[in-house]
Amino acid sequence: MLDALEAFTVVVVGLMVGVEFSVAFVINRILDALPEDSGQLGRSHGGRMLGAVMPVWYIASLALVAVWAVAGWHHPGAGLVVTAGGLLVLSVIMSVLLLVPINDRGRTWTPENRPADWKEQMNRWERYHCVRVAVIVAAFALLAAALA
């Protein structure tokens, strides 16, 4: 049963990492290349859509890692799982304190009501997001290593 939990957790966390990596290095580059206000409208839509899904995914990932850490406490790799859990906690804290406030503002913006500094705010969000991606990639790598 622990083997199934480990595999399921790695898949769930890995998919989350893939989505966040894609946002950072693919989707946002595509949106930046769109003409006129299309990129900003796409970011607002993405903020609404992913803003609804990702919190559940982060918390579910963290919960799965916590269950794995408890269930596998006396198994090899437990320290890696606990460290990965700590990194996921850090990613949630970063999200709540740094990224969500910007996202909450950005998802309501239209070309008519966006603030003058909207691009600077999006650039700040992207910088924080890249750091968060690095954190969750590290967590994922630790979970994968714990399986080995």
Protein backbone atom coordinates (compact mmCIF):
# COMPACT_ATOMS: atom_id res chain seq x y z
CA MET A 1 0.00 0.00 0.00
CA LEU A 2 2.89 2.37 0.78
CA ASP A 3 4.29 1.75 -2.72
CA ALA A 4 1.01 2.88 -4.29
CA LEU A 5 0.92 6.00 -2.09
CA GLU A 6 4.51 6.86 -3.02
CA ALA A 7 3.88 6.44 -6.74
CA PHE A 8 0.60 8.38 -6.65
CA THR A 9 2.23 11.21 -4.68
CA VAL A 10 5.13 11.49 -7.11
CA VAL A 11 2.71 11.63 -10.05
CA VAL A 12 0.49 14.28 -8.42
CA VAL A 13 3.45 16.45 -7.40
CA GLY A 14 5.16 15.89 -10.76
CA LEU A 15 2.11 17.01 -12.69
CA MET A 16 1.83 20.12 -10.51
CA VAL A 17 5.48 20.91 -11.15
CA GLY A 18 4.91 20.44 -14.88
CA VAL A 19 2.00 22.87 -14.92
CA GLU A 20 3.88 25.50 -12.94
CA PHE A 21 7.01 25.06 -15.07
CA SER A 22 4.90 25.43 -18.19
CA VAL A 23 3.32 28.64 -16.87
CA ALA A 24 6.73 30.10 -16.08
CA PHE A 25 8.62 29.15 -19.21
CA VAL A 26 6.03 28.53 -21.93
CA ILE A 27 2.59 30.04 -21.34
CA ASN A 28 3.80 33.44 -20.11
CA ARG A 29 6.23 33.72 -23.05
CA ILE A 30 3.35 32.99 -25.44
CA LEU A 31 1.12 35.55 -23.73
CA ASP A 32 3.89 38.16 -23.87
CA ALA A 33 4.14 37.69 -27.65
CA LEU A 34 0.44 38.26 -28.34
CA PRO A 35 -0.61 41.56 -29.91
CA GLU A 36 -2.16 44.51 -28.14
CA ASP A 37 -4.18 43.61 -25.04
CA SER A 38 -4.48 39.89 -25.75
CA GLY A 39 -1.62 38.93 -23.42
CA GLN A 40 -3.06 40.85 -20.50
CA LEU A 41 -6.52 39.37 -21.09
CA GLY A 42 -4.96 35.89 -21.26
CA ARG A 43 -3.12 36.46 -17.99
CA SER A 44 -6.34 37.58 -16.31
CA HIS A 45 -8.16 34.49 -17.55
CA GLY A 46 -5.27 32.23 -16.52
CA GLY A 47 -5.21 33.87 -13.10
CA ARG A 48 -8.89 33.10 -12.61
CA MET A 49 -8.66 29.53 -13.91
CA LEU A 50 -5.42 28.45 -12.25
CA GLY A 51 -6.18 30.54 -9.18
CA ALA A 52 -9.13 28.23 -8.56
CA VAL A 53 -7.32 24.94 -9.26
CA MET A 54 -3.78 25.35 -7.97
CA PRO A 55 -4.52 25.96 -4.26
CA VAL A 56 -6.33 22.61 -4.12
CA TRP A 57 -3.46 20.94 -5.97
CA TYR A 58 -0.81 22.41 -3.65
CA ILE A 59 -2.69 21.41 -0.50
CA ALA A 60 -3.45 17.93 -1.85
CA SER A 61 0.23 17.47 -2.76
CA LEU A 62 1.31 18.58 0.68
CA ALA A 63 -1.24 16.27 2.34
CA LEU A 64 -0.05 13.30 0.27
CA VAL A 65 3.56 14.00 1.19
CA ALA A 66 2.60 14.28 4.87
CA VAL A 67 0.82 10.92 4.75
CA TRP A 68 3.82 9.39 2.99
CA ALA A 69 6.17 10.83 5.62
CA VAL A 70 4.10 9.38 8.47
CA ALA A 71 3.40 6.03 6.82
CA GLY A 72 6.99 5.59 5.70
CA TRP A 73 8.70 7.04 8.77
CA HIS A 74 10.86 3.97 9.36
CA HIS A 75 11.60 3.32 5.69
CA PRO A 76 14.64 4.47 3.72
CA GLY A 77 14.21 7.93 2.23
CA ALA A 78 11.93 9.25 5.00
CA GLY A 79 14.23 12.22 5.55
CA LEU A 80 13.99 13.12 1.87
CA VAL A 81 10.19 12.98 2.05
CA VAL A 82 10.11 15.20 5.15
CA THR A 83 12.45 17.69 3.47
CA ALA A 84 10.26 17.67 0.34
CA GLY A 85 7.27 18.35 2.58
CA GLY A 86 9.10 21.28 4.12
CA LEU A 87 9.77 22.68 0.65
CA LEU A 88 6.11 22.29 -0.27
CA VAL A 89 5.15 24.16 2.92
CA LEU A 90 7.56 26.91 1.86
CA SER A 91 5.93 27.02 -1.59
CA VAL A 92 2.48 27.41 -0.02
CA ILE A 93 3.73 30.21 2.25
CA MET A 94 5.35 31.93 -0.73
CA SER A 95 2.12 31.58 -2.67
CA VAL A 96 -0.06 33.06 0.05
CA LEU A 97 2.28 35.92 0.97
CA LEU A 98 3.79 36.86 -2.40
CA LEU A 99 1.93 35.48 -5.40
CA VAL A 100 -1.75 35.31 -4.45
CA PRO A 101 -2.08 39.04 -3.67
CA ILE A 102 -0.74 39.96 -7.11
CA ASN A 103 -2.81 37.25 -8.81
CA ASP A 104 -5.98 38.38 -7.02
CA ARG A 105 -5.51 41.86 -8.42
CA GLY A 106 -4.44 40.74 -11.89
CA ARG A 107 -7.30 38.38 -12.51
CA THR A 108 -9.78 41.27 -12.38
CA TRP A 109 -7.89 43.52 -14.78
CA THR A 110 -9.16 44.46 -18.20
CA PRO A 111 -7.55 46.89 -20.65
CA GLU A 112 -9.96 49.51 -19.31
CA ASN A 113 -9.30 49.13 -15.58
CA ARG A 114 -5.74 47.84 -15.23
CA PRO A 115 -3.32 50.02 -13.28
CA ALA A 116 -0.50 51.91 -14.96
CA ASP A 117 2.09 49.60 -13.35
CA TRP A 118 0.39 46.33 -14.35
CA LYS A 119 3.42 45.10 -16.29
CA GLU A 120 5.71 45.72 -13.33
CA GLN A 121 3.32 43.79 -11.08
CA MET A 122 3.25 40.89 -13.56
CA ASN A 123 7.05 40.92 -13.76
CA ARG A 124 7.24 40.76 -9.95
CA TRP A 125 4.76 37.86 -9.96
CA GLU A 126 6.89 36.07 -12.57
CA ARG A 127 10.08 36.49 -10.50
CA TYR A 128 8.37 35.09 -7.40
CA HIS A 129 6.82 32.33 -9.48
CA CYS A 130 10.22 31.26 -10.87
CA VAL A 131 11.57 30.98 -7.32
CA ARG A 132 8.49 28.94 -6.34
CA VAL A 133 9.04 26.68 -9.37
CA ALA A 134 12.62 26.06 -8.24
CA VAL A 135 11.35 25.16 -4.76
CA ILE A 136 8.76 22.68 -6.01
CA VAL A 137 11.18 21.17 -8.54
CA ALA A 138 13.54 20.52 -5.62
CA ALA A 139 10.68 18.95 -3.64
CA PHE A 140 9.80 16.75 -6.61
CA ALA A 141 13.43 15.67 -7.05
CA LEU A 142 13.62 14.71 -3.38
CA LEU A 143 10.43 12.66 -3.67
CA ALA A 144 11.78 10.90 -6.75
CA ALA A 145 15.05 10.22 -4.94
CA ALA A 146 13.13 8.81 -1.97
CA LEU A 147 11.66 6.18 -4.29
CA ALA A 148 15.11 5.03 -5.35
